[in-house]
C-alpha atoms as a PDB file:
ATOM      1  CA  MET A   1     -73.219 -30.747 142.489  1.00  0.00           C
ATOM      2  CA  SER A   2     -70.133 -28.551 141.788  1.00  0.00           C
ATOM      3  CA  ASN A   3     -70.347 -25.724 139.113  1.00  0.00           C
ATOM      4  CA  ILE A   4     -66.990 -26.666 137.855  1.00  0.00           C
ATOM      5  CA  ASN A   5     -67.290 -27.757 134.148  1.00  0.00           C
ATOM      6  CA  ILE A   6     -64.581 -30.540 134.119  1.00  0.00           C
ATOM      7  CA  ASP A   7     -65.241 -31.397 130.454  1.00  0.00           C
ATOM      8  CA  ASN A   8     -63.407 -28.128 129.406  1.00  0.00           C
ATOM      9  CA  ILE A   9     -60.474 -28.515 131.745  1.00  0.00           C
ATOM     10  CA  PRO A  10     -57.709 -30.831 130.371  1.00  0.00           C
ATOM     11  CA  ASN A  11     -56.355 -33.717 132.427  1.00  0.00           C
ATOM     12  CA  PHE A  12     -58.863 -32.643 135.167  1.00  0.00           C
ATOM     13  CA  ASP A  13     -58.263 -34.485 138.499  1.00  0.00           C
ATOM     14  CA  PHE A  14     -60.778 -34.444 141.182  1.00  0.00           C
ATOM     15  CA  SER A  15     -57.772 -34.152 143.813  1.00  0.00           C
ATOM     16  CA  ASP A  16     -56.941 -30.773 142.176  1.00  0.00           C
ATOM     17  CA  ALA A  17     -60.245 -29.199 143.274  1.00  0.00           C
ATOM     18  CA  MET A  18     -60.972 -31.336 146.422  1.00  0.00           C
ATOM     19  CA  MET A  19     -58.550 -33.315 148.417  1.00  0.00           C
ATOM     20  CA  ILE A  20     -59.773 -36.523 149.741  1.00  0.00           C
ATOM     21  CA  PRO A  21     -59.164 -36.548 153.520  1.00  0.00           C
ATOM     22  CA  GLU A  22     -57.924 -39.707 155.200  1.00  0.00           C
ATOM     23  CA  ALA A  23     -60.619 -42.027 156.646  1.00  0.00           C
ATOM     24  CA  PRO A  24     -60.956 -42.302 160.351  1.00  0.00           C
ATOM     25  CA  ALA A  25     -60.310 -45.642 162.241  1.00  0.00           C
ATOM     26  CA  GLY A  26     -63.000 -48.294 161.588  1.00  0.00           C
ATOM     27  CA  PHE A  27     -64.453 -46.387 158.508  1.00  0.00           C
ATOM     28  CA  LYS A  28     -66.245 -48.563 156.155  1.00  0.00           C
ATOM     29  CA  SER A  29     -66.325 -48.267 152.294  1.00  0.00           C
ATOM     30  CA  GLY A  30     -67.058 -50.132 149.172  1.00  0.00           C
ATOM     31  CA  PHE A  31     -69.070 -50.361 145.860  1.00  0.00           C
ATOM     32  CA  VAL A  32     -72.481 -51.680 145.870  1.00  0.00           C
ATOM     33  CA  GLY A  33     -74.040 -52.548 142.384  1.00  0.00           C
ATOM     34  CA  ILE A  34     -77.797 -51.914 141.909  1.00  0.00           C
ATOM     35  CA  ILE A  35     -79.369 -54.501 139.740  1.00  0.00           C
ATOM     36  CA  GLY A  36     -82.767 -55.792 138.428  1.00  0.00           C
ATOM     37  CA  ARG A  37     -85.201 -56.062 135.645  1.00  0.00           C
ATOM     38  CA  PRO A  38     -86.202 -52.980 133.725  1.00  0.00           C
ATOM     39  CA  ASN A  39     -88.564 -50.496 135.578  1.00  0.00           C
ATOM     40  CA  VAL A  40     -88.288 -51.839 139.158  1.00  0.00           C
ATOM     41  CA  GLY A  41     -87.176 -48.265 140.462  1.00  0.00           C
ATOM     42  CA  LYS A  42     -83.375 -48.664 140.457  1.00  0.00           C
ATOM     43  CA  SER A  43     -82.845 -45.094 139.307  1.00  0.00           C
ATOM     44  CA  THR A  44     -85.435 -43.830 141.748  1.00  0.00           C
ATOM     45  CA  LEU A  45     -83.682 -45.739 144.558  1.00  0.00           C
ATOM     46  CA  MET A  46     -80.299 -44.364 143.565  1.00  0.00           C
ATOM     47  CA  ASN A  47     -81.677 -40.809 143.965  1.00  0.00           C
ATOM     48  CA  GLN A  48     -83.104 -41.636 147.360  1.00  0.00           C
ATOM     49  CA  LEU A  49     -79.965 -43.261 148.529  1.00  0.00           C
ATOM     50  CA  VAL A  50     -77.556 -40.351 147.775  1.00  0.00           C
ATOM     51  CA  GLY A  51     -80.223 -37.794 148.661  1.00  0.00           C
ATOM     52  CA  GLN A  52     -80.068 -35.960 145.447  1.00  0.00           C
ATOM     53  CA  LYS A  53     -81.268 -36.378 141.975  1.00  0.00           C
ATOM     54  CA  ILE A  54     -78.480 -37.793 139.674  1.00  0.00           C
ATOM     55  CA  ALA A  55     -80.376 -40.541 137.614  1.00  0.00           C
ATOM     56  CA  ILE A  56     -83.353 -39.853 135.468  1.00  0.00           C
ATOM     57  CA  THR A  57     -86.532 -41.591 136.409  1.00  0.00           C
ATOM     58  CA  SER A  58     -89.419 -42.384 134.027  1.00  0.00           C
ATOM     59  CA  PRO A  59     -92.536 -44.907 133.861  1.00  0.00           C
ATOM     60  CA  ILE A  60     -91.219 -46.357 130.689  1.00  0.00           C
ATOM     61  CA  SER A  61     -88.763 -49.199 131.184  1.00  0.00           C
ATOM     62  CA  GLN A  62     -85.119 -49.625 129.965  1.00  0.00           C
ATOM     63  CA  THR A  63     -84.254 -45.807 130.568  1.00  0.00           C
ATOM     64  CA  THR A  64     -80.951 -46.259 132.364  1.00  0.00           C
ATOM     65  CA  ARG A  65     -78.159 -46.656 129.755  1.00  0.00           C
ATOM     66  CA  ASN A  66     -74.827 -45.982 131.507  1.00  0.00           C
ATOM     67  CA  ARG A  67     -73.402 -47.347 134.624  1.00  0.00           C
ATOM     68  CA  LEU A  68     -73.971 -44.368 136.796  1.00  0.00           C
ATOM     69  CA  ARG A  69     -71.988 -44.120 140.129  1.00  0.00           C
ATOM     70  CA  GLY A  70     -73.805 -42.281 143.051  1.00  0.00           C
ATOM     71  CA  ILE A  71     -71.861 -41.531 146.266  1.00  0.00           C
ATOM     72  CA  PHE A  72     -73.305 -41.565 149.762  1.00  0.00           C
ATOM     73  CA  THR A  73     -70.983 -40.607 152.690  1.00  0.00           C
ATOM     74  CA  THR A  74     -71.385 -40.484 156.374  1.00  0.00           C
ATOM     75  CA  GLU A  75     -68.848 -39.809 159.158  1.00  0.00           C
ATOM     76  CA  LEU A  76     -68.595 -43.613 159.418  1.00  0.00           C
ATOM     77  CA  ALA A  77     -68.822 -44.835 155.802  1.00  0.00           C
ATOM     78  CA  GLN A  78     -68.865 -44.241 152.008  1.00  0.00           C
ATOM     79  CA  ILE A  79     -70.896 -46.281 149.604  1.00  0.00           C
ATOM     80  CA  ILE A  80     -70.348 -45.780 145.888  1.00  0.00           C
ATOM     81  CA  PHE A  81     -73.647 -47.090 144.362  1.00  0.00           C
ATOM     82  CA  VAL A  82     -73.379 -48.468 140.694  1.00  0.00           C
ATOM     83  CA  ASP A  83     -76.637 -47.918 138.902  1.00  0.00           C
ATOM     84  CA  THR A  84     -76.939 -50.543 135.896  1.00  0.00           C
ATOM     85  CA  PRO A  85     -79.364 -50.802 132.965  1.00  0.00           C
ATOM     86  CA  GLY A  86     -82.141 -53.276 133.549  1.00  0.00           C
ATOM     87  CA  ILE A  87     -81.325 -56.835 132.699  1.00  0.00           C
ATOM     88  CA  HIS A  88     -83.552 -57.994 129.937  1.00  0.00           C
ATOM     89  CA  LYS A  89     -83.445 -59.843 126.566  1.00  0.00           C
ATOM     90  CA  PRO A  90     -81.710 -57.247 124.125  1.00  0.00           C
ATOM     91  CA  HIS A  91     -83.299 -56.650 120.620  1.00  0.00           C
ATOM     92  CA  HIS A  92     -80.670 -54.635 119.093  1.00  0.00           C
ATOM     93  CA  GLN A  93     -76.900 -53.578 119.507  1.00  0.00           C
ATOM     94  CA  LEU A  94     -77.532 -51.149 122.055  1.00  0.00           C
ATOM     95  CA  GLY A  95     -79.581 -53.537 124.003  1.00  0.00           C
ATOM     96  CA  GLN A  96     -76.617 -55.971 123.798  1.00  0.00           C
ATOM     97  CA  VAL A  97     -74.087 -53.485 125.213  1.00  0.00           C
ATOM     98  CA  LEU A  98     -76.335 -52.249 128.029  1.00  0.00           C
ATOM     99  CA  VAL A  99     -77.063 -55.845 129.144  1.00  0.00           C
ATOM    100  CA  LYS A 100     -73.423 -56.576 128.937  1.00  0.00           C
ATOM    101  CA  ASN A 101     -72.369 -53.681 131.107  1.00  0.00           C
ATOM    102  CA  ALA A 102     -75.020 -54.577 133.602  1.00  0.00           C
ATOM    103  CA  LYS A 103     -73.697 -58.112 133.669  1.00  0.00           C
ATOM    104  CA  LEU A 104     -70.322 -56.860 134.062  1.00  0.00           C
ATOM    105  CA  ALA A 105     -71.109 -54.897 137.003  1.00  0.00           C
ATOM    106  CA  ILE A 106     -71.932 -58.099 139.041  1.00  0.00           C
ATOM    107  CA  ASP A 107     -68.352 -58.993 139.469  1.00  0.00           C
ATOM    108  CA  SER A 108     -66.881 -55.537 139.719  1.00  0.00           C
ATOM    109  CA  VAL A 109     -68.507 -54.458 143.021  1.00  0.00           C
ATOM    110  CA  ASP A 110     -68.228 -55.530 146.808  1.00  0.00           C
ATOM    111  CA  LEU A 111     -71.956 -56.052 147.204  1.00  0.00           C
ATOM    112  CA  LEU A 112     -75.021 -56.509 145.088  1.00  0.00           C
ATOM    113  CA  LEU A 113     -78.583 -55.066 145.885  1.00  0.00           C
ATOM    114  CA  PHE A 114     -80.891 -57.011 143.665  1.00  0.00           C
ATOM    115  CA  VAL A 115     -84.090 -54.828 143.249  1.00  0.00           C
ATOM    116  CA  VAL A 116     -87.444 -56.267 142.579  1.00  0.00           C
ATOM    117  CA  ASP A 117     -90.851 -55.098 142.205  1.00  0.00           C
ATOM    118  CA  GLY A 118     -92.799 -55.654 145.475  1.00  0.00           C
ATOM    119  CA  SER A 119     -96.250 -54.784 143.895  1.00  0.00           C
ATOM    120  CA  VAL A 120     -96.236 -57.891 141.857  1.00  0.00           C
ATOM    121  CA  SER A 121     -95.146 -61.478 142.726  1.00  0.00           C
ATOM    122  CA  CYS A 122     -91.799 -62.858 141.710  1.00  0.00           C
ATOM    123  CA  GLY A 123     -91.696 -63.687 137.942  1.00  0.00           C
ATOM    124  CA  GLY A 124     -89.475 -65.367 135.322  1.00  0.00           C
ATOM    125  CA  GLY A 125     -87.160 -62.241 134.798  1.00  0.00           C
ATOM    126  CA  ASP A 126     -86.408 -62.194 138.685  1.00  0.00           C
ATOM    127  CA  ARG A 127     -85.470 -65.870 138.556  1.00  0.00           C
ATOM    128  CA  TYR A 128     -83.380 -65.413 135.529  1.00  0.00           C
ATOM    129  CA  ILE A 129     -81.192 -62.780 137.302  1.00  0.00           C
ATOM    130  CA  ALA A 130     -81.136 -64.810 140.405  1.00  0.00           C
ATOM    131  CA  ASP A 131     -79.619 -67.680 138.387  1.00  0.00           C
ATOM    132  CA  LEU A 132     -77.148 -65.245 136.919  1.00  0.00           C
ATOM    133  CA  LEU A 133     -75.988 -64.296 140.360  1.00  0.00           C
ATOM    134  CA  THR A 134     -75.273 -67.992 141.279  1.00  0.00           C
ATOM    135  CA  ASN A 135     -72.137 -67.733 139.109  1.00  0.00           C
ATOM    136  CA  SER A 136     -70.784 -64.698 140.923  1.00  0.00           C
ATOM    137  CA  LYS A 137     -68.949 -64.710 144.490  1.00  0.00           C
ATOM    138  CA  THR A 138     -70.272 -61.228 145.180  1.00  0.00           C
ATOM    139  CA  PRO A 139     -72.557 -61.023 148.297  1.00  0.00           C
ATOM    140  CA  VAL A 140     -76.260 -60.414 147.463  1.00  0.00           C
ATOM    141  CA  ILE A 141     -79.064 -58.544 149.423  1.00  0.00           C
ATOM    142  CA  LEU A 142     -82.586 -58.880 147.798  1.00  0.00           C
ATOM    143  CA  GLY A 143     -84.430 -55.367 148.008  1.00  0.00           C
ATOM    144  CA  ILE A 144     -88.263 -55.587 147.684  1.00  0.00           C
ATOM    145  CA  ASN A 145     -89.187 -52.025 146.341  1.00  0.00           C
ATOM    146  CA  LYS A 146     -92.563 -50.432 145.857  1.00  0.00           C
ATOM    147  CA  ILE A 147     -94.008 -51.532 149.373  1.00  0.00           C
ATOM    148  CA  ASP A 148     -96.148 -48.388 148.922  1.00  0.00           C
ATOM    149  CA  GLU A 149     -97.798 -49.828 146.011  1.00  0.00           C
ATOM    150  CA  GLN A 150     -98.526 -53.309 147.390  1.00  0.00           C
ATOM    151  CA  PRO A 151    -102.202 -54.363 147.734  1.00  0.00           C
ATOM    152  CA  LYS A 152    -103.639 -54.688 151.272  1.00  0.00           C
ATOM    153  CA  LYS A 153    -103.315 -58.427 151.118  1.00  0.00           C
ATOM    154  CA  SER A 154     -99.781 -58.758 149.910  1.00  0.00           C
ATOM    155  CA  GLU A 155     -98.639 -61.974 151.848  1.00  0.00           C
ATOM    156  CA  GLU A 156     -98.431 -63.888 148.695  1.00  0.00           C
ATOM    157  CA  ILE A 157     -96.219 -61.376 147.016  1.00  0.00           C
ATOM    158  CA  ASN A 158     -93.792 -61.045 149.718  1.00  0.00           C
ATOM    159  CA  GLN A 159     -93.674 -64.726 150.327  1.00  0.00           C
ATOM    160  CA  SER A 160     -92.705 -65.181 146.593  1.00  0.00           C
ATOM    161  CA  TYR A 161     -89.635 -62.998 147.182  1.00  0.00           C
ATOM    162  CA  ILE A 162     -88.811 -64.399 150.511  1.00  0.00           C
ATOM    163  CA  GLN A 163     -88.817 -67.804 148.980  1.00  0.00           C
ATOM    164  CA  LEU A 164     -86.479 -66.636 146.518  1.00  0.00           C
ATOM    165  CA  ALA A 165     -84.105 -65.236 148.961  1.00  0.00           C
ATOM    166  CA  ASN A 166     -84.132 -68.201 151.172  1.00  0.00           C
ATOM    167  CA  ASN A 167     -83.498 -70.407 148.090  1.00  0.00           C
ATOM    168  CA  TYR A 168     -80.213 -68.617 147.624  1.00  0.00           C
ATOM    169  CA  HIS A 169     -79.531 -67.779 151.287  1.00  0.00           C
ATOM    170  CA  TRP A 170     -79.830 -63.988 150.820  1.00  0.00           C
ATOM    171  CA  THR A 171     -80.620 -61.487 153.329  1.00  0.00           C
ATOM    172  CA  TYR A 172     -83.824 -59.501 152.115  1.00  0.00           C
ATOM    173  CA  THR A 173     -85.348 -56.162 152.998  1.00  0.00           C
ATOM    174  CA  LYS A 174     -88.288 -54.076 152.053  1.00  0.00           C
ATOM    175  CA  PHE A 175     -88.574 -50.507 151.102  1.00  0.00           C
ATOM    176  CA  SER A 176     -90.058 -47.707 148.919  1.00  0.00           C
ATOM    177  CA  ALA A 177     -87.755 -45.782 146.692  1.00  0.00           C
ATOM    178  CA  LYS A 178     -90.685 -43.533 145.724  1.00  0.00           C
ATOM    179  CA  THR A 179     -91.584 -42.440 149.366  1.00  0.00           C
ATOM    180  CA  GLY A 180     -88.437 -43.115 151.120  1.00  0.00           C
ATOM    181  CA  ALA A 181     -89.871 -45.416 153.658  1.00  0.00           C
ATOM    182  CA  GLU A 182     -87.126 -47.724 155.330  1.00  0.00           C
ATOM    183  CA  ILE A 183     -84.384 -46.095 153.081  1.00  0.00           C
ATOM    184  CA  PRO A 184     -82.271 -45.160 156.202  1.00  0.00           C
ATOM    185  CA  GLN A 185     -82.775 -48.783 157.426  1.00  0.00           C
ATOM    186  CA  LEU A 186     -81.370 -50.066 154.022  1.00  0.00           C
ATOM    187  CA  GLN A 187     -78.561 -47.737 154.057  1.00  0.00           C
ATOM    188  CA  GLU A 188     -77.718 -49.063 157.561  1.00  0.00           C
ATOM    189  CA  LEU A 189     -77.813 -52.581 156.236  1.00  0.00           C
ATOM    190  CA  LEU A 190     -75.628 -51.907 153.348  1.00  0.00           C
ATOM    191  CA  ILE A 191     -72.941 -50.351 155.571  1.00  0.00           C
ATOM    192  CA  ASN A 192     -72.936 -53.189 157.907  1.00  0.00           C
ATOM    193  CA  GLN A 193     -71.990 -55.575 154.993  1.00  0.00           C
ATOM    194  CA  LEU A 194     -69.069 -53.508 153.951  1.00  0.00           C
ATOM    195  CA  GLU A 195     -65.382 -53.966 154.934  1.00  0.00           C
ATOM    196  CA  PRO A 196     -63.308 -51.405 156.456  1.00  0.00           C
ATOM    197  CA  GLY A 197     -61.841 -49.109 153.584  1.00  0.00           C
ATOM    198  CA  PRO A 198     -60.905 -45.623 152.565  1.00  0.00           C
ATOM    199  CA  LEU A 199     -62.625 -42.586 151.374  1.00  0.00           C
ATOM    200  CA  TYR A 200     -62.742 -43.006 147.541  1.00  0.00           C
ATOM    201  CA  TYR A 201     -64.238 -39.635 146.880  1.00  0.00           C
ATOM    202  CA  PRO A 202     -64.396 -36.236 148.779  1.00  0.00           C
ATOM    203  CA  PRO A 203     -67.067 -36.432 151.339  1.00  0.00           C
ATOM    204  CA  ASP A 204     -69.388 -33.790 149.633  1.00  0.00           C
ATOM    205  CA  LEU A 205     -69.363 -35.414 146.043  1.00  0.00           C
ATOM    206  CA  VAL A 206     -72.536 -37.265 144.987  1.00  0.00           C
ATOM    207  CA  THR A 207     -71.557 -38.550 141.734  1.00  0.00           C
ATOM    208  CA  ASP A 208     -68.499 -39.017 139.673  1.00  0.00           C
ATOM    209  CA  GLN A 209     -70.264 -38.165 136.466  1.00  0.00           C
ATOM    210  CA  PRO A 210     -69.401 -35.000 134.607  1.00  0.00           C
ATOM    211  CA  GLU A 211     -72.133 -32.220 134.418  1.00  0.00           C
ATOM    212  CA  ARG A 212     -72.433 -32.727 130.648  1.00  0.00           C
ATOM    213  CA  PHE A 213     -73.524 -36.375 131.083  1.00  0.00           C
ATOM    214  CA  ILE A 214     -76.224 -35.413 133.668  1.00  0.00           C
ATOM    215  CA  MET A 215     -77.266 -32.640 131.655  1.00  0.00           C
ATOM    216  CA  GLY A 216     -77.917 -34.930 128.579  1.00  0.00           C
ATOM    217  CA  GLU A 217     -79.649 -37.361 130.858  1.00  0.00           C
ATOM    218  CA  LEU A 218     -82.061 -34.588 132.183  1.00  0.00           C
ATOM    219  CA  ILE A 219     -82.986 -33.591 128.452  1.00  0.00           C
ATOM    220  CA  ARG A 220     -83.589 -37.297 127.736  1.00  0.00           C
ATOM    221  CA  GLU A 221     -85.727 -37.758 130.701  1.00  0.00           C
ATOM    222  CA  GLN A 222     -88.052 -35.072 129.374  1.00  0.00           C
ATOM    223  CA  ILE A 223     -88.326 -36.810 126.078  1.00  0.00           C
ATOM    224  CA  LEU A 224     -89.196 -39.922 127.838  1.00  0.00           C
ATOM    225  CA  LEU A 225     -91.852 -38.095 129.868  1.00  0.00           C
ATOM    226  CA  LEU A 226     -93.427 -35.932 127.177  1.00  0.00           C
ATOM    227  CA  THR A 227     -93.373 -38.202 123.841  1.00  0.00           C
ATOM    228  CA  ARG A 228     -94.954 -41.448 122.647  1.00  0.00           C
ATOM    229  CA  GLU A 229     -93.510 -44.716 123.299  1.00  0.00           C
ATOM    230  CA  GLU A 230     -92.315 -44.930 119.696  1.00  0.00           C
ATOM    231  CA  VAL A 231     -89.771 -42.263 120.363  1.00  0.00           C
ATOM    232  CA  PRO A 232     -87.871 -42.634 123.776  1.00  0.00           C
ATOM    233  CA  HIS A 233     -85.729 -45.770 123.223  1.00  0.00           C
ATOM    234  CA  SER A 234     -84.642 -44.392 119.779  1.00  0.00           C
ATOM    235  CA  VAL A 235     -83.231 -41.053 121.298  1.00  0.00           C
ATOM    236  CA  ALA A 236     -79.704 -40.287 122.438  1.00  0.00           C
ATOM    237  CA  ILE A 237     -78.335 -36.817 123.378  1.00  0.00           C
ATOM    238  CA  ALA A 238     -75.085 -35.086 122.430  1.00  0.00           C
ATOM    239  CA  ILE A 239     -74.145 -31.839 124.437  1.00  0.00           C
ATOM    240  CA  ASP A 240     -72.328 -29.949 121.888  1.00  0.00           C
ATOM    241  CA  LEU A 241     -71.407 -26.832 123.668  1.00  0.00           C
ATOM    242  CA  VAL A 242     -71.557 -25.522 127.361  1.00  0.00           C
ATOM    243  CA  GLU A 243     -70.502 -21.880 127.822  1.00  0.00           C
ATOM    244  CA  GLU A 244     -70.540 -20.438 131.054  1.00  0.00           C
ATOM    245  CA  THR A 245     -70.445 -16.793 132.250  1.00  0.00           C
ATOM    246  CA  ALA A 246     -71.225 -15.065 135.439  1.00  0.00           C
ATOM    247  CA  LYS A 247     -74.910 -14.468 134.496  1.00  0.00           C
ATOM    248  CA  ILE A 248     -75.899 -17.518 132.446  1.00  0.00           C
ATOM    249  CA  THR A 249     -74.879 -20.941 131.205  1.00  0.00           C
ATOM    250  CA  ARG A 250     -75.394 -21.471 127.432  1.00  0.00           C
ATOM    251  CA  ILE A 251     -75.936 -25.078 126.421  1.00  0.00           C
ATOM    252  CA  LEU A 252     -76.365 -26.494 122.894  1.00  0.00           C
ATOM    253  CA  ALA A 253     -77.552 -29.929 122.552  1.00  0.00           C
ATOM    254  CA  THR A 254     -78.573 -32.419 119.673  1.00  0.00           C
ATOM    255  CA  ILE A 255     -81.160 -35.006 119.972  1.00  0.00           C
ATOM    256  CA  HIS A 256     -80.489 -38.038 117.745  1.00  0.00           C
ATOM    257  CA  VAL A 257     -83.334 -39.969 116.470  1.00  0.00           C
ATOM    258  CA  GLU A 258     -83.455 -42.926 114.019  1.00  0.00           C
ATOM    259  CA  ARG A 259     -86.382 -41.972 111.704  1.00  0.00           C
ATOM    260  CA  ASP A 260     -87.747 -38.631 110.082  1.00  0.00           C
ATOM    261  CA  SER A 261     -91.134 -39.389 111.641  1.00  0.00           C
ATOM    262  CA  GLN A 262     -89.566 -39.289 115.115  1.00  0.00           C
ATOM    263  CA  LYS A 263     -88.169 -36.031 114.388  1.00  0.00           C
ATOM    264  CA  GLY A 264     -91.358 -34.799 113.466  1.00  0.00           C
ATOM    265  CA  ILE A 265     -92.801 -36.053 116.799  1.00  0.00           C
ATOM    266  CA  LEU A 266     -90.128 -34.301 118.883  1.00  0.00           C
ATOM    267  CA  ILE A 267     -90.414 -31.147 116.908  1.00  0.00           C
ATOM    268  CA  GLY A 268     -94.344 -31.221 117.195  1.00  0.00           C
ATOM    269  CA  LYS A 269     -96.550 -28.736 115.487  1.00  0.00           C
ATOM    270  CA  SER A 270     -94.892 -25.320 115.026  1.00  0.00           C
ATOM    271  CA  GLY A 271     -92.214 -26.473 117.203  1.00  0.00           C
ATOM    272  CA  THR A 272     -94.334 -26.877 120.483  1.00  0.00           C
ATOM    273  CA  MET A 273     -92.937 -30.251 121.605  1.00  0.00           C
ATOM    274  CA  LEU A 274     -89.300 -29.276 121.178  1.00  0.00           C
ATOM    275  CA  ARG A 275     -90.027 -26.115 123.242  1.00  0.00           C
ATOM    276  CA  ALA A 276     -91.951 -27.993 125.921  1.00  0.00           C
ATOM    277  CA  ILE A 277     -88.995 -30.516 126.118  1.00  0.00           C
ATOM    278  CA  GLY A 278     -86.486 -27.628 126.183  1.00  0.00           C
ATOM    279  CA  SER A 279     -88.366 -25.690 128.848  1.00  0.00           C
ATOM    280  CA  ALA A 280     -88.658 -28.681 131.288  1.00  0.00           C
ATOM    281  CA  ALA A 281     -85.230 -29.788 130.773  1.00  0.00           C
ATOM    282  CA  ARG A 282     -83.909 -26.156 131.210  1.00  0.00           C
ATOM    283  CA  GLU A 283     -85.589 -25.998 134.566  1.00  0.00           C
ATOM    284  CA  GLN A 284     -83.964 -29.228 135.743  1.00  0.00           C
ATOM    285  CA  ILE A 285     -80.398 -28.311 134.618  1.00  0.00           C
ATOM    286  CA  GLN A 286     -81.029 -24.933 136.446  1.00  0.00           C
ATOM    287  CA  LYS A 287     -81.371 -26.824 139.633  1.00  0.00           C
ATOM    288  CA  LEU A 288     -78.276 -28.960 138.748  1.00  0.00           C
ATOM    289  CA  ILE A 289     -76.064 -26.097 138.455  1.00  0.00           C
ATOM    290  CA  SER A 290     -77.787 -23.551 140.648  1.00  0.00           C
ATOM    291  CA  GLY A 291     -77.884 -20.977 138.034  1.00  0.00           C
ATOM    292  CA  LYS A 292     -79.593 -19.536 134.988  1.00  0.00           C
ATOM    293  CA  VAL A 293     -79.593 -21.589 131.706  1.00  0.00           C
ATOM    294  CA  TYR A 294     -80.360 -20.794 128.024  1.00  0.00           C
ATOM    295  CA  LEU A 295     -80.819 -24.149 126.193  1.00  0.00           C
ATOM    296  CA  GLU A 296     -81.012 -24.856 122.583  1.00  0.00           C
ATOM    297  CA  LEU A 297     -82.095 -28.049 121.150  1.00  0.00           C
ATOM    298  CA  PHE A 298     -81.442 -29.631 117.669  1.00  0.00           C
ATOM    299  CA  VAL A 299     -82.952 -32.727 116.315  1.00  0.00           C
ATOM    300  CA  LYS A 300     -80.733 -34.906 113.900  1.00  0.00           C
ATOM    301  CA  VAL A 301     -81.940 -38.137 112.112  1.00  0.00           C
ATOM    302  CA  GLN A 302     -79.269 -40.880 112.422  1.00  0.00           C
ATOM    303  CA  PRO A 303     -80.756 -43.934 110.760  1.00  0.00           C
ATOM    304  CA  LYS A 304     -80.222 -47.237 112.798  1.00  0.00           C
ATOM    305  CA  TRP A 305     -77.766 -45.652 115.318  1.00  0.00           C
ATOM    306  CA  ARG A 306     -78.597 -48.340 117.941  1.00  0.00           C
ATOM    307  CA  GLN A 307     -77.406 -50.991 115.490  1.00  0.00           C
ATOM    308  CA  SER A 308     -74.046 -49.417 114.703  1.00  0.00           C
ATOM    309  CA  ARG A 309     -71.146 -49.781 117.068  1.00  0.00           C
ATOM    310  CA  LEU A 310     -69.449 -46.808 115.490  1.00  0.00           C
ATOM    311  CA  HIS A 311     -72.608 -44.719 116.273  1.00  0.00           C
ATOM    312  CA  LEU A 312     -72.848 -46.032 119.751  1.00  0.00           C
ATOM    313  CA  SER A 313     -69.401 -45.333 120.323  1.00  0.00           C
ATOM    314  CA  GLU A 314     -69.752 -41.868 119.084  1.00  0.00           C
ATOM    315  CA  LEU A 315     -72.630 -41.199 121.392  1.00  0.00           C
ATOM    316  CA  GLY A 316     -70.921 -42.608 124.420  1.00  0.00           C
ATOM    317  CA  TYR A 317     -72.520 -46.189 124.768  1.00  0.00           C
ATOM    318  CA  ARG A 318     -69.710 -48.770 124.797  1.00  0.00           C
ATOM    319  CA  VAL A 319     -68.954 -51.901 126.606  1.00  0.00           C
ATOM    320  CA  GLU A 320     -67.202 -51.085 129.871  1.00  0.00           C
ATOM    321  CA  GLU A 321     -64.031 -52.643 131.094  1.00  0.00           C
END
C-alpha cells in the first residue's frame, strides 16, 4: 500500500504517480465479482487472492458495506476482484443500499465467483442467490469455501453444492480462504476464464480504495471484534483528519452510533473499551502505512442514521452506479 495520501491531493490521478505499462501479447484481464450470503468468507477470500489485507474480516455477518476492489497481477494477467456486501433480506435503509449495490455488481463484472459455506449444506439463501443469477448473462463459478471446517464425512455437503452447480451448468471448485488451501488453483481457474485485455491498474497496486477508507474499515473491524453484537451494525466511521509528518501520521476519527447506550459500550468504564479499540486499530493502520501512527477516536450519537438517506450519503454509503 502506498504512503501517498490521495485524499489531500486535488484531482489526484493514479497515472500521475505510477504509469500503467502496456500489457504484453496474450495478456488477460477482467473484473471478477465475489458474491454470496453474509459470513461465507468473501472478505477473507479477497485478502487471500490479492495477498494482502485490504478487506476487514469478522465472525459477525454482514460486515462488508462497500464494494471494495482488490487487484491481483501476474506477468500474464490482472484480475480486479470486486468484494460485495452479503446478499440478505434488508431490515433498514442501509441494508437496502448494501443489497442493491451487491445486485448491481452481478451485471457489471466479467465473471462471478459465487462463494458458499462448505462447512454446511446448501440452503435457501444460496438457492435464492442462484435464482438471481439466472437473470444475468455473466458467467458464474461456484466456489465452495471453508473446506478446512468440513466434517470428516462431508460427501452430503459437497454433493448439495455440486448438484446446485450442475443445475445451472456452472463450474465449481473447493478451497479454504482461511488457510489458503487451493487458492493458487482458484486464481488459475479464474484467469483461464478471462478474455485478453489491458492492464487496468499499475502492477504493484492491490486496491483502488484511498488509504482513508481502509483506515476507517480497520477501526470498524476492531469494534466488530471487541464489542457486543448490539453495537457493530450500528457503527459508521468518519476519518476527520490525517496529518503526515516524517516521524508520525496523526489520525482523528469519529465513530457514529445510533443510541446513547451504544456510545457507553464503546467508551467503556473509564474509557477502557475505546482505548482497546484505538490501540488495536492503531497497530493495524501502522502495518497499512508502514509507519508510526497517533490515533484519536471520538464517539458521536447520530440517531437512526441507518434509516436516513442523507446520513448514509454523508457517511459514504450510497447506491453505486
